Amino acid sequence: MTQSYFASLLEKKCLDRADRERGRFRTFLLSSLEYFLNNEWDRASAQKRGGGQRNIFWDEQNAEGRYQNEPVDKLTPERVFEKRWATTLLELVLKKMREEFIVSGKAELFEAINSG
């Protein structure tokens, strides 16, 4: 850390900023060291873009629930995919229709049609 501090002083030509009229050299070194250490601590403790956080997928629970409720049968993987695709498509269509009914002020009509 000490070597990094002095290397930083030399690379950035910080010693050129030391001015006898502004204060003692010792005070200048202490201030620049404190600044350097704070920057190093910030850099060492920083996490990039949510590092260390667990990603949560919005449909994680929904997907798991579908898997748990899937009936056990001897369908081929292709057939299972087609069934799931059709179910997902129907859900998206119903959601879109619900939104259109709500916008047109007919939410109660949609609920009556959908529940029956």
PDB file of N, CA and C in Angstrom:
ATOM      1  N   MET A   1       0.836  -1.186   0.000  1.00  0.00           N
ATOM      2  CA  MET A   1       0.000   0.000   0.000  1.00  0.00           C
ATOM      3  C   MET A   1       0.880   1.249   0.000  1.00  0.00           C
ATOM      4  N   THR A   2       1.973   1.188   0.754  1.00  0.00           N
ATOM      5  CA  THR A   2       2.891   2.338   0.813  1.00  0.00           C
ATOM      6  C   THR A   2       3.509   2.597  -0.558  1.00  0.00           C
ATOM      7  N   GLN A   3       3.925   1.525  -1.215  1.00  0.00           N
ATOM      8  CA  GLN A   3       4.516   1.680  -2.538  1.00  0.00           C
ATOM      9  C   GLN A   3       3.495   2.231  -3.530  1.00  0.00           C
ATOM     10  N   SER A   4       2.280   1.778  -3.428  1.00  0.00           N
ATOM     11  CA  SER A   4       1.227   2.281  -4.314  1.00  0.00           C
ATOM     12  C   SER A   4       0.995   3.766  -4.092  1.00  0.00           C
ATOM     13  N   TYR A   5       1.040   4.178  -2.833  1.00  0.00           N
ATOM     14  CA  TYR A   5       0.837   5.589  -2.513  1.00  0.00           C
ATOM     15  C   TYR A   5       1.927   6.446  -3.151  1.00  0.00           C
ATOM     16  N   PHE A   6       3.182   6.058  -2.968  1.00  0.00           N
ATOM     17  CA  PHE A   6       4.274   6.860  -3.515  1.00  0.00           C
ATOM     18  C   PHE A   6       4.295   6.785  -5.046  1.00  0.00           C
ATOM     19  N   ALA A   7       3.952   5.635  -5.599  1.00  0.00           N
ATOM     20  CA  ALA A   7       3.868   5.523  -7.060  1.00  0.00           C
ATOM     21  C   ALA A   7       2.785   6.452  -7.594  1.00  0.00           C
ATOM     22  N   SER A   8       1.672   6.535  -6.888  1.00  0.00           N
ATOM     23  CA  SER A   8       0.591   7.430  -7.289  1.00  0.00           C
ATOM     24  C   SER A   8       1.036   8.892  -7.231  1.00  0.00           C
ATOM     25  N   LEU A   9       1.758   9.235  -6.178  1.00  0.00           N
ATOM     26  CA  LEU A   9       2.266  10.612  -6.054  1.00  0.00           C
ATOM     27  C   LEU A   9       3.159  10.977  -7.234  1.00  0.00           C
ATOM     28  N   LEU A  10       4.009  10.037  -7.616  1.00  0.00           N
ATOM     29  CA  LEU A  10       4.939  10.310  -8.708  1.00  0.00           C
ATOM     30  C   LEU A  10       4.245  10.312 -10.068  1.00  0.00           C
ATOM     31  N   GLU A  11       3.337   9.351 -10.296  1.00  0.00           N
ATOM     32  CA  GLU A  11       2.639   9.270 -11.574  1.00  0.00           C
ATOM     33  C   GLU A  11       1.791  10.501 -11.832  1.00  0.00           C
ATOM     34  N   LYS A  12       1.090  10.943 -10.823  1.00  0.00           N
ATOM     35  CA  LYS A  12       0.171  12.071 -10.975  1.00  0.00           C
ATOM     36  C   LYS A  12       0.852  13.423 -10.756  1.00  0.00           C
ATOM     37  N   LYS A  13       2.138  13.365 -10.488  1.00  0.00           N
ATOM     38  CA  LYS A  13       2.937  14.579 -10.255  1.00  0.00           C
ATOM     39  C   LYS A  13       2.303  15.469  -9.177  1.00  0.00           C
ATOM     40  N   CYS A  14       1.847  14.796  -8.123  1.00  0.00           N
ATOM     41  CA  CYS A  14       1.200  15.506  -7.018  1.00  0.00           C
ATOM     42  C   CYS A  14       2.189  16.383  -6.250  1.00  0.00           C
ATOM     43  N   LEU A  15       3.449  16.006  -6.253  1.00  0.00           N
ATOM     44  CA  LEU A  15       4.441  16.781  -5.504  1.00  0.00           C
ATOM     45  C   LEU A  15       4.601  18.184  -6.081  1.00  0.00           C
ATOM     46  N   ASP A  16       4.242  18.349  -7.353  1.00  0.00           N
ATOM     47  CA  ASP A  16       4.305  19.676  -7.955  1.00  0.00           C
ATOM     48  C   ASP A  16       3.287  20.626  -7.331  1.00  0.00           C
ATOM     49  N   ARG A  17       2.242  20.062  -6.741  1.00  0.00           N
ATOM     50  CA  ARG A  17       1.195  20.890  -6.131  1.00  0.00           C
ATOM     51  C   ARG A  17       1.533  21.332  -4.712  1.00  0.00           C
ATOM     52  N   ALA A  18       2.567  20.773  -4.154  1.00  0.00           N
ATOM     53  CA  ALA A  18       2.957  21.155  -2.791  1.00  0.00           C
ATOM     54  C   ALA A  18       3.480  22.600  -2.834  1.00  0.00           C
ATOM     55  N   ASP A  19       2.907  23.422  -1.980  1.00  0.00           N
ATOM     56  CA  ASP A  19       3.269  24.838  -1.959  1.00  0.00           C
ATOM     57  C   ASP A  19       3.580  25.234  -0.517  1.00  0.00           C
ATOM     58  N   ARG A  20       4.776  25.733  -0.315  1.00  0.00           N
ATOM     59  CA  ARG A  20       5.223  26.097   1.026  1.00  0.00           C
ATOM     60  C   ARG A  20       4.320  27.164   1.638  1.00  0.00           C
ATOM     61  N   GLU A  21       3.778  28.042   0.837  1.00  0.00           N
ATOM     62  CA  GLU A  21       2.926  29.115   1.352  1.00  0.00           C
ATOM     63  C   GLU A  21       1.552  28.600   1.802  1.00  0.00           C
ATOM     64  N   ARG A  22       1.131  27.462   1.291  1.00  0.00           N
ATOM     65  CA  ARG A  22      -0.171  26.909   1.658  1.00  0.00           C
ATOM     66  C   ARG A  22      -0.100  26.029   2.893  1.00  0.00           C
ATOM     67  N   GLY A  23       1.075  25.678   3.312  1.00  0.00           N
ATOM     68  CA  GLY A  23       1.200  24.855   4.510  1.00  0.00           C
ATOM     69  C   GLY A  23       2.466  24.027   4.474  1.00  0.00           C
ATOM     70  N   ARG A  24       2.641  23.256   5.530  1.00  0.00           N
ATOM     71  CA  ARG A  24       3.835  22.432   5.649  1.00  0.00           C
ATOM     72  C   ARG A  24       3.753  21.220   4.744  1.00  0.00           C
ATOM     73  N   PHE A  25       4.891  20.725   4.331  1.00  0.00           N
ATOM     74  CA  PHE A  25       4.982  19.566   3.453  1.00  0.00           C
ATOM     75  C   PHE A  25       4.411  18.325   4.145  1.00  0.00           C
ATOM     76  N   ARG A  26       4.657  18.231   5.427  1.00  0.00           N
ATOM     77  CA  ARG A  26       4.151  17.098   6.202  1.00  0.00           C
ATOM     78  C   ARG A  26       2.616  17.075   6.165  1.00  0.00           C
ATOM     79  N   THR A  27       1.993  18.218   6.296  1.00  0.00           N
ATOM     80  CA  THR A  27       0.535  18.314   6.242  1.00  0.00           C
ATOM     81  C   THR A  27       0.034  17.931   4.854  1.00  0.00           C
ATOM     82  N   PHE A  28       0.755  18.357   3.821  1.00  0.00           N
ATOM     83  CA  PHE A  28       0.403  18.003   2.456  1.00  0.00           C
ATOM     84  C   PHE A  28       0.440  16.483   2.272  1.00  0.00           C
ATOM     85  N   LEU A  29       1.512  15.844   2.755  1.00  0.00           N
ATOM     86  CA  LEU A  29       1.640  14.395   2.626  1.00  0.00           C
ATOM     87  C   LEU A  29       0.527  13.665   3.388  1.00  0.00           C
ATOM     88  N   LEU A  30       0.235  14.129   4.584  1.00  0.00           N
ATOM     89  CA  LEU A  30      -0.827  13.483   5.366  1.00  0.00           C
ATOM     90  C   LEU A  30      -2.181  13.605   4.677  1.00  0.00           C
ATOM     91  N   SER A  31      -2.466  14.772   4.141  1.00  0.00           N
ATOM     92  CA  SER A  31      -3.747  14.972   3.443  1.00  0.00           C
ATOM     93  C   SER A  31      -3.831  14.117   2.194  1.00  0.00           C
ATOM     94  N   SER A  32      -2.764  14.075   1.420  1.00  0.00           N
ATOM     95  CA  SER A  32      -2.792  13.277   0.195  1.00  0.00           C
ATOM     96  C   SER A  32      -2.859  11.779   0.523  1.00  0.00           C
ATOM     97  N   LEU A  33      -2.207  11.364   1.609  1.00  0.00           N
ATOM     98  CA  LEU A  33      -2.282   9.963   2.024  1.00  0.00           C
ATOM     99  C   LEU A  33      -3.710   9.600   2.433  1.00  0.00           C
ATOM    100  N   GLU A  34      -4.361  10.459   3.177  1.00  0.00           N
ATOM    101  CA  GLU A  34      -5.735  10.209   3.595  1.00  0.00           C
ATOM    102  C   GLU A  34      -6.652  10.105   2.368  1.00  0.00           C
ATOM    103  N   TYR A  35      -6.471  10.995   1.409  1.00  0.00           N
ATOM    104  CA  TYR A  35      -7.251  10.964   0.179  1.00  0.00           C
ATOM    105  C   TYR A  35      -7.008   9.649  -0.569  1.00  0.00           C
ATOM    106  N   PHE A  36      -5.747   9.242  -0.680  1.00  0.00           N
ATOM    107  CA  PHE A  36      -5.380   8.001  -1.364  1.00  0.00           C
ATOM    108  C   PHE A  36      -6.013   6.795  -0.676  1.00  0.00           C
ATOM    109  N   LEU A  37      -5.917   6.723   0.637  1.00  0.00           N
ATOM    110  CA  LEU A  37      -6.465   5.589   1.382  1.00  0.00           C
ATOM    111  C   LEU A  37      -7.985   5.509   1.254  1.00  0.00           C
ATOM    112  N   ASN A  38      -8.650   6.671   1.286  1.00  0.00           N
ATOM    113  CA  ASN A  38     -10.106   6.670   1.112  1.00  0.00           C
ATOM    114  C   ASN A  38     -10.489   6.149  -0.266  1.00  0.00           C
ATOM    115  N   ASN A  39      -9.760   6.565  -1.289  1.00  0.00           N
ATOM    116  CA  ASN A  39     -10.034   6.084  -2.639  1.00  0.00           C
ATOM    117  C   ASN A  39      -9.789   4.585  -2.757  1.00  0.00           C
ATOM    118  N   GLU A  40      -8.726   4.109  -2.156  1.00  0.00           N
ATOM    119  CA  GLU A  40      -8.421   2.676  -2.191  1.00  0.00           C
ATOM    120  C   GLU A  40      -9.508   1.875  -1.476  1.00  0.00           C
ATOM    121  N   TRP A  41      -9.971   2.371  -0.351  1.00  0.00           N
ATOM    122  CA  TRP A  41     -11.021   1.677   0.383  1.00  0.00           C
ATOM    123  C   TRP A  41     -12.308   1.640  -0.439  1.00  0.00           C
ATOM    124  N   ASP A  42     -12.664   2.774  -1.069  1.00  0.00           N
ATOM    125  CA  ASP A  42     -13.856   2.812  -1.917  1.00  0.00           C
ATOM    126  C   ASP A  42     -13.737   1.814  -3.057  1.00  0.00           C
ATOM    127  N   ARG A  43     -12.577   1.782  -3.694  1.00  0.00           N
ATOM    128  CA  ARG A  43     -12.355   0.882  -4.823  1.00  0.00           C
ATOM    129  C   ARG A  43     -12.429  -0.582  -4.376  1.00  0.00           C
ATOM    130  N   ALA A  44     -11.850  -0.878  -3.231  1.00  0.00           N
ATOM    131  CA  ALA A  44     -11.821  -2.264  -2.743  1.00  0.00           C
ATOM    132  C   ALA A  44     -13.205  -2.740  -2.294  1.00  0.00           C
ATOM    133  N   SER A  45     -14.023  -1.835  -1.779  1.00  0.00           N
ATOM    134  CA  SER A  45     -15.324  -2.244  -1.261  1.00  0.00           C
ATOM    135  C   SER A  45     -16.451  -2.073  -2.265  1.00  0.00           C
ATOM    136  N   ALA A  46     -16.155  -1.561  -3.442  1.00  0.00           N
ATOM    137  CA  ALA A  46     -17.197  -1.353  -4.455  1.00  0.00           C
ATOM    138  C   ALA A  46     -17.599  -2.685  -5.077  1.00  0.00           C
ATOM    139  N   GLN A  47     -18.872  -2.786  -5.405  1.00  0.00           N
ATOM    140  CA  GLN A  47     -19.379  -3.955  -6.110  1.00  0.00           C
ATOM    141  C   GLN A  47     -19.994  -3.471  -7.410  1.00  0.00           C
ATOM    142  N   LYS A  48     -19.694  -4.168  -8.462  1.00  0.00           N
ATOM    143  CA  LYS A  48     -20.183  -3.764  -9.772  1.00  0.00           C
ATOM    144  C   LYS A  48     -21.586  -4.292 -10.025  1.00  0.00           C
ATOM    145  N   ARG A  49     -22.479  -3.421 -10.412  1.00  0.00           N
ATOM    146  CA  ARG A  49     -23.811  -3.764 -10.892  1.00  0.00           C
ATOM    147  C   ARG A  49     -24.511  -4.830 -10.077  1.00  0.00           C
ATOM    148  N   GLY A  50     -24.639  -4.569  -8.787  1.00  0.00           N
ATOM    149  CA  GLY A  50     -25.390  -5.493  -7.947  1.00  0.00           C
ATOM    150  C   GLY A  50     -24.665  -6.767  -7.607  1.00  0.00           C
ATOM    151  N   GLY A  51     -23.331  -6.736  -7.606  1.00  0.00           N
ATOM    152  CA  GLY A  51     -22.563  -7.935  -7.278  1.00  0.00           C
ATOM    153  C   GLY A  51     -22.939  -8.464  -5.909  1.00  0.00           C
ATOM    154  N   GLY A  52     -22.964  -9.747  -5.777  1.00  0.00           N
ATOM    155  CA  GLY A  52     -23.298 -10.365  -4.496  1.00  0.00           C
ATOM    156  C   GLY A  52     -24.798 -10.501  -4.261  1.00  0.00           C
ATOM    157  N   GLN A  53     -25.618  -9.993  -5.171  1.00  0.00           N
ATOM    158  CA  GLN A  53     -27.061 -10.079  -5.016  1.00  0.00           C
ATOM    159  C   GLN A  53     -27.589 -11.247  -5.841  1.00  0.00           C
ATOM    160  N   ARG A  54     -28.585 -11.916  -5.345  1.00  0.00           N
ATOM    161  CA  ARG A  54     -29.192 -13.049  -6.051  1.00  0.00           C
ATOM    162  C   ARG A  54     -30.193 -12.509  -7.063  1.00  0.00           C
ATOM    163  N   ASN A  55     -30.127 -13.012  -8.282  1.00  0.00           N
ATOM    164  CA  ASN A  55     -31.101 -12.645  -9.300  1.00  0.00           C
ATOM    165  C   ASN A  55     -32.418 -13.340  -9.005  1.00  0.00           C
ATOM    166  N   ILE A  56     -33.490 -12.579  -9.080  1.00  0.00           N
ATOM    167  CA  ILE A  56     -34.819 -13.140  -8.868  1.00  0.00           C
ATOM    168  C   ILE A  56     -35.595 -12.960 -10.165  1.00  0.00           C
ATOM    169  N   PHE A  57     -36.064 -14.050 -10.711  1.00  0.00           N
ATOM    170  CA  PHE A  57     -36.812 -13.986 -11.947  1.00  0.00           C
ATOM    171  C   PHE A  57     -38.294 -13.877 -11.620  1.00  0.00           C
ATOM    172  N   TRP A  58     -38.980 -13.001 -12.318  1.00  0.00           N
ATOM    173  CA  TRP A  58     -40.373 -12.708 -12.025  1.00  0.00           C
ATOM    174  C   TRP A  58     -41.258 -13.949 -12.122  1.00  0.00           C
ATOM    175  N   ASP A  59     -40.977 -14.791 -13.070  1.00  0.00           N
ATOM    176  CA  ASP A  59     -41.845 -15.939 -13.251  1.00  0.00           C
ATOM    177  C   ASP A  59     -41.323 -17.202 -12.583  1.00  0.00           C
ATOM    178  N   GLU A  60     -40.362 -17.056 -11.675  1.00  0.00           N
ATOM    179  CA  GLU A  60     -39.756 -18.220 -11.031  1.00  0.00           C
ATOM    180  C   GLU A  60     -40.795 -19.061 -10.295  1.00  0.00           C
ATOM    181  N   GLN A  61     -41.608 -18.423  -9.480  1.00  0.00           N
ATOM    182  CA  GLN A  61     -42.624 -19.155  -8.725  1.00  0.00           C
ATOM    183  C   GLN A  61     -43.680 -19.727  -9.657  1.00  0.00           C
ATOM    184  N   ASN A  62     -44.072 -18.953 -10.641  1.00  0.00           N
ATOM    185  CA  ASN A  62     -45.095 -19.389 -11.574  1.00  0.00           C
ATOM    186  C   ASN A  62     -44.618 -20.620 -12.351  1.00  0.00           C
ATOM    187  N   ALA A  63     -43.391 -20.592 -12.827  1.00  0.00           N
ATOM    188  CA  ALA A  63     -42.852 -21.720 -13.588  1.00  0.00           C
ATOM    189  C   ALA A  63     -42.766 -22.967 -12.713  1.00  0.00           C
ATOM    190  N   GLU A  64     -42.300 -22.806 -11.497  1.00  0.00           N
ATOM    191  CA  GLU A  64     -42.199 -23.948 -10.592  1.00  0.00           C
ATOM    192  C   GLU A  64     -43.582 -24.523 -10.296  1.00  0.00           C
ATOM    193  N   GLY A  65     -44.558 -23.644 -10.103  1.00  0.00           N
ATOM    194  CA  GLY A  65     -45.924 -24.094  -9.856  1.00  0.00           C
ATOM    195  C   GLY A  65     -46.487 -24.869 -11.033  1.00  0.00           C
ATOM    196  N   ARG A  66     -46.189 -24.407 -12.238  1.00  0.00           N
ATOM    197  CA  ARG A  66     -46.649 -25.133 -13.423  1.00  0.00           C
ATOM    198  C   ARG A  66     -46.017 -26.515 -13.490  1.00  0.00           C
ATOM    199  N   TYR A  67     -44.750 -26.566 -13.191  1.00  0.00           N
ATOM    200  CA  TYR A  67     -44.050 -27.854 -13.227  1.00  0.00           C
ATOM    201  C   TYR A  67     -44.657 -28.812 -12.207  1.00  0.00           C
ATOM    202  N   GLN A  68     -44.934 -28.304 -11.004  1.00  0.00           N
ATOM    203  CA  GLN A  68     -45.499 -29.152  -9.953  1.00  0.00           C
ATOM    204  C   GLN A  68     -46.889 -29.658 -10.330  1.00  0.00           C
ATOM    205  N   ASN A  69     -47.655 -28.832 -11.035  1.00  0.00           N
ATOM    206  CA  ASN A  69     -49.032 -29.199 -11.392  1.00  0.00           C
ATOM    207  C   ASN A  69     -49.133 -29.958 -12.708  1.00  0.00           C
ATOM    208  N   GLU A  70     -48.025 -30.144 -13.376  1.00  0.00           N
ATOM    209  CA  GLU A  70     -48.023 -30.858 -14.655  1.00  0.00           C
ATOM    210  C   GLU A  70     -48.395 -32.316 -14.412  1.00  0.00           C
ATOM    211  N   PRO A  71     -49.402 -32.812 -15.119  1.00  0.00           N
ATOM    212  CA  PRO A  71     -49.787 -34.211 -14.920  1.00  0.00           C
ATOM    213  C   PRO A  71     -48.692 -35.152 -15.415  1.00  0.00           C
ATOM    214  N   VAL A  72     -48.590 -36.262 -14.727  1.00  0.00           N
ATOM    215  CA  VAL A  72     -47.594 -37.253 -15.115  1.00  0.00           C
ATOM    216  C   VAL A  72     -48.197 -38.088 -16.239  1.00  0.00           C
ATOM    217  N   ASP A  73     -47.568 -38.034 -17.399  1.00  0.00           N
ATOM    218  CA  ASP A  73     -48.014 -38.860 -18.511  1.00  0.00           C
ATOM    219  C   ASP A  73     -46.818 -39.197 -19.394  1.00  0.00           C
ATOM    220  N   LYS A  74     -47.080 -39.893 -20.433  1.00  0.00           N
ATOM    221  CA  LYS A  74     -45.997 -40.369 -21.280  1.00  0.00           C
ATOM    222  C   LYS A  74     -45.888 -39.563 -22.569  1.00  0.00           C
ATOM    223  N   LEU A  75     -46.127 -38.264 -22.470  1.00  0.00           N
ATOM    224  CA  LEU A  75     -46.015 -37.407 -23.652  1.00  0.00           C
ATOM    225  C   LEU A  75     -44.547 -37.215 -24.036  1.00  0.00           C
ATOM    226  N   THR A  76     -44.340 -37.008 -25.306  1.00  0.00           N
ATOM    227  CA  THR A  76     -42.980 -36.719 -25.772  1.00  0.00           C
ATOM    228  C   THR A  76     -42.613 -35.297 -25.359  1.00  0.00           C
ATOM    229  N   PRO A  77     -41.325 -34.998 -25.269  1.00  0.00           N
ATOM    230  CA  PRO A  77     -40.922 -33.634 -24.928  1.00  0.00           C
ATOM    231  C   PRO A  77     -41.485 -32.596 -25.910  1.00  0.00           C
ATOM    232  N   GLU A  78     -41.596 -32.956 -27.173  1.00  0.00           N
ATOM    233  CA  GLU A  78     -42.147 -32.038 -28.165  1.00  0.00           C
ATOM    234  C   GLU A  78     -43.612 -31.723 -27.875  1.00  0.00           C
ATOM    235  N   ARG A  79     -44.344 -32.750 -27.512  1.00  0.00           N
ATOM    236  CA  ARG A  79     -45.777 -32.569 -27.214  1.00  0.00           C
ATOM    237  C   ARG A  79     -45.969 -31.738 -25.942  1.00  0.00           C
ATOM    238  N   VAL A  80     -45.138 -31.984 -24.937  1.00  0.00           N
ATOM    239  CA  VAL A  80     -45.202 -31.187 -23.697  1.00  0.00           C
ATOM    240  C   VAL A  80     -44.912 -29.724 -24.017  1.00  0.00           C
ATOM    241  N   PHE A  81     -43.904 -29.485 -24.858  1.00  0.00           N
ATOM    242  CA  PHE A  81     -43.573 -28.117 -25.251  1.00  0.00           C
ATOM    243  C   PHE A  81     -44.760 -27.453 -25.946  1.00  0.00           C
ATOM    244  N   GLU A  82     -45.390 -28.162 -26.879  1.00  0.00           N
ATOM    245  CA  GLU A  82     -46.532 -27.604 -27.609  1.00  0.00           C
ATOM    246  C   GLU A  82     -47.681 -27.254 -26.665  1.00  0.00           C
ATOM    247  N   LYS A  83     -47.936 -28.129 -25.702  1.00  0.00           N
ATOM    248  CA  LYS A  83     -49.006 -27.852 -24.731  1.00  0.00           C
ATOM    249  C   LYS A  83     -48.681 -26.622 -23.894  1.00  0.00           C
ATOM    250  N   ARG A  84     -47.447 -26.544 -23.434  1.00  0.00           N
ATOM    251  CA  ARG A  84     -47.044 -25.380 -22.623  1.00  0.00           C
ATOM    252  C   ARG A  84     -47.093 -24.105 -23.451  1.00  0.00           C
ATOM    253  N   TRP A  85     -46.665 -24.187 -24.706  1.00  0.00           N
ATOM    254  CA  TRP A  85     -46.686 -23.016 -25.581  1.00  0.00           C
ATOM    255  C   TRP A  85     -48.128 -22.533 -25.776  1.00  0.00           C
ATOM    256  N   ALA A  86     -49.039 -23.469 -26.017  1.00  0.00           N
ATOM    257  CA  ALA A  86     -50.440 -23.104 -26.206  1.00  0.00           C
ATOM    258  C   ALA A  86     -51.013 -22.470 -24.941  1.00  0.00           C
ATOM    259  N   THR A  87     -50.682 -23.027 -23.780  1.00  0.00           N
ATOM    260  CA  THR A  87     -51.167 -22.473 -22.511  1.00  0.00           C
ATOM    261  C   THR A  87     -50.640 -21.052 -22.309  1.00  0.00           C
ATOM    262  N   THR A  88     -49.372 -20.844 -22.564  1.00  0.00           N
ATOM    263  CA  THR A  88     -48.771 -19.516 -22.412  1.00  0.00           C
ATOM    264  C   THR A  88     -49.420 -18.528 -23.370  1.00  0.00           C
ATOM    265  N   LEU A  89     -49.633 -18.940 -24.611  1.00  0.00           N
ATOM    266  CA  LEU A  89     -50.255 -18.073 -25.607  1.00  0.00           C
ATOM    267  C   LEU A  89     -51.665 -17.683 -25.190  1.00  0.00           C
ATOM    268  N   LEU A  90     -52.435 -18.652 -24.696  1.00  0.00           N
ATOM    269  CA  LEU A  90     -53.790 -18.352 -24.227  1.00  0.00           C
ATOM    270  C   LEU A  90     -53.774 -17.370 -23.052  1.00  0.00           C
ATOM    271  N   GLU A  91     -52.846 -17.535 -22.129  1.00  0.00           N
ATOM    272  CA  GLU A  91     -52.744 -16.610 -20.995  1.00  0.00           C
ATOM    273  C   GLU A  91     -52.436 -15.204 -21.463  1.00  0.00           C
ATOM    274  N   LEU A  92     -51.527 -15.069 -22.437  1.00  0.00           N
ATOM    275  CA  LEU A  92     -51.188 -13.746 -22.967  1.00  0.00           C
ATOM    276  C   LEU A  92     -52.381 -13.103 -23.677  1.00  0.00           C
ATOM    277  N   VAL A  93     -53.129 -13.898 -24.422  1.00  0.00           N
ATOM    278  CA  VAL A  93     -54.314 -13.376 -25.115  1.00  0.00           C
ATOM    279  C   VAL A  93     -55.357 -12.918 -24.108  1.00  0.00           C
ATOM    280  N   LEU A  94     -55.597 -13.720 -23.073  1.00  0.00           N
ATOM    281  CA  LEU A  94     -56.565 -13.328 -22.043  1.00  0.00           C
ATOM    282  C   LEU A  94     -56.136 -12.051 -21.333  1.00  0.00           C
ATOM    283  N   LYS A  95     -54.857 -11.932 -21.055  1.00  0.00           N
ATOM    284  CA  LYS A  95     -54.345 -10.713 -20.402  1.00  0.00           C
ATOM    285  C   LYS A  95     -54.582  -9.499 -21.290  1.00  0.00           C
ATOM    286  N   LYS A  96     -54.281  -9.635 -22.575  1.00  0.00           N
ATOM    287  CA  LYS A  96     -54.477  -8.534 -23.527  1.00  0.00           C
ATOM    288  C   LYS A  96     -55.949  -8.176 -23.625  1.00  0.00           C
ATOM    289  N   MET A  97     -56.821  -9.181 -23.698  1.00  0.00           N
ATOM    290  CA  MET A  97     -58.265  -8.916 -23.774  1.00  0.00           C
ATOM    291  C   MET A  97     -58.746  -8.213 -22.508  1.00  0.00           C
ATOM    292  N   ARG A  98     -58.272  -8.665 -21.340  1.00  0.00           N
ATOM    293  CA  ARG A  98     -58.666  -8.031 -20.077  1.00  0.00           C
ATOM    294  C   ARG A  98     -58.294  -6.554 -20.101  1.00  0.00           C
ATOM    295  N   GLU A  99     -57.071  -6.252 -20.554  1.00  0.00           N
ATOM    296  CA  GLU A  99     -56.626  -4.857 -20.627  1.00  0.00           C
ATOM    297  C   GLU A  99     -57.504  -4.046 -21.570  1.00  0.00           C
ATOM    298  N   GLU A 100     -57.872  -4.614 -22.711  1.00  0.00           N
ATOM    299  CA  GLU A 100     -58.721  -3.906 -23.669  1.00  0.00           C
ATOM    300  C   GLU A 100     -60.116  -3.659 -23.088  1.00  0.00           C
ATOM    301  N   PHE A 101     -60.667  -4.643 -22.387  1.00  0.00           N
ATOM    302  CA  PHE A 101     -61.972  -4.456 -21.755  1.00  0.00           C
ATOM    303  C   PHE A 101     -61.899  -3.378 -20.677  1.00  0.00           C
ATOM    304  N   ILE A 102     -60.824  -3.372 -19.899  1.00  0.00           N
ATOM    305  CA  ILE A 102     -60.670  -2.365 -18.838  1.00  0.00           C
ATOM    306  C   ILE A 102     -60.591  -0.975 -19.441  1.00  0.00           C
ATOM    307  N   VAL A 103     -59.809  -0.815 -20.505  1.00  0.00           N
ATOM    308  CA  VAL A 103     -59.654   0.492 -21.157  1.00  0.00           C
ATOM    309  C   VAL A 103     -60.991   0.979 -21.708  1.00  0.00           C
ATOM    310  N   SER A 104     -61.791   0.072 -22.219  1.00  0.00           N
ATOM    311  CA  SER A 104     -63.087   0.471 -22.789  1.00  0.00           C
ATOM    312  C   SER A 104     -64.181   0.569 -21.722  1.00  0.00           C
ATOM    313  N   GLY A 105     -63.823   0.366 -20.456  1.00  0.00           N
ATOM    314  CA  GLY A 105     -64.790   0.510 -19.372  1.00  0.00           C
ATOM    315  C   GLY A 105     -65.711  -0.687 -19.208  1.00  0.00           C
ATOM    316  N   LYS A 106     -65.301  -1.843 -19.694  1.00  0.00           N
ATOM    317  CA  LYS A 106     -66.153  -3.035 -19.633  1.00  0.00           C
ATOM    318  C   LYS A 106     -65.491  -4.158 -18.835  1.00  0.00           C
ATOM    319  N   ALA A 107     -64.822  -3.808 -17.757  1.00  0.00           N
ATOM    320  CA  ALA A 107     -64.117  -4.800 -16.952  1.00  0.00           C
ATOM    321  C   ALA A 107     -65.077  -5.824 -16.357  1.00  0.00           C
ATOM    322  N   GLU A 108     -66.276  -5.368 -15.917  1.00  0.00           N
ATOM    323  CA  GLU A 108     -67.235  -6.295 -15.322  1.00  0.00           C
ATOM    324  C   GLU A 108     -67.732  -7.311 -16.353  1.00  0.00           C
ATOM    325  N   LEU A 109     -67.922  -6.853 -17.593  1.00  0.00           N
ATOM    326  CA  LEU A 109     -68.359  -7.759 -18.643  1.00  0.00           C
ATOM    327  C   LEU A 109     -67.299  -8.826 -18.893  1.00  0.00           C
ATOM    328  N   PHE A 110     -66.046  -8.422 -18.940  1.00  0.00           N
ATOM    329  CA  PHE A 110     -64.983  -9.397 -19.149  1.00  0.00           C
ATOM    330  C   PHE A 110     -64.957 -10.433 -18.041  1.00  0.00           C
ATOM    331  N   GLU A 111     -65.059  -9.986 -16.786  1.00  0.00           N
ATOM    332  CA  GLU A 111     -65.035 -10.908 -15.649  1.00  0.00           C
ATOM    333  C   GLU A 111     -66.218 -11.886 -15.721  1.00  0.00           C
ATOM    334  N   ALA A 112     -67.371 -11.385 -16.153  1.00  0.00           N
ATOM    335  CA  ALA A 112     -68.552 -12.261 -16.267  1.00  0.00           C
ATOM    336  C   ALA A 112     -68.341 -13.296 -17.371  1.00  0.00           C
ATOM    337  N   ILE A 113     -67.793 -12.867 -18.496  1.00  0.00           N
ATOM    338  CA  ILE A 113     -67.541 -13.793 -19.597  1.00  0.00           C
ATOM    339  C   ILE A 113     -66.453 -14.798 -19.215  1.00  0.00           C
ATOM    340  N   ASN A 114     -65.410 -14.314 -18.588  1.00  0.00           N
ATOM    341  CA  ASN A 114     -64.261 -15.149 -18.248  1.00  0.00           C
ATOM    342  C   ASN A 114     -64.593 -16.170 -17.165  1.00  0.00           C
ATOM    343  N   SER A 115     -65.446 -15.822 -16.234  1.00  0.00           N
ATOM    344  CA  SER A 115     -65.753 -16.734 -15.137  1.00  0.00           C
ATOM    345  C   SER A 115     -66.757 -17.815 -15.555  1.00  0.00           C
ATOM    346  N   GLY A 116     -67.457 -17.608 -16.631  1.00  0.00           N
ATOM    347  CA  GLY A 116     -68.506 -18.537 -17.010  1.00  0.00           C
ATOM    348  C   GLY A 116     -68.082 -19.553 -17.959  1.00  0.00           C
TER     349      GLY A 116
END
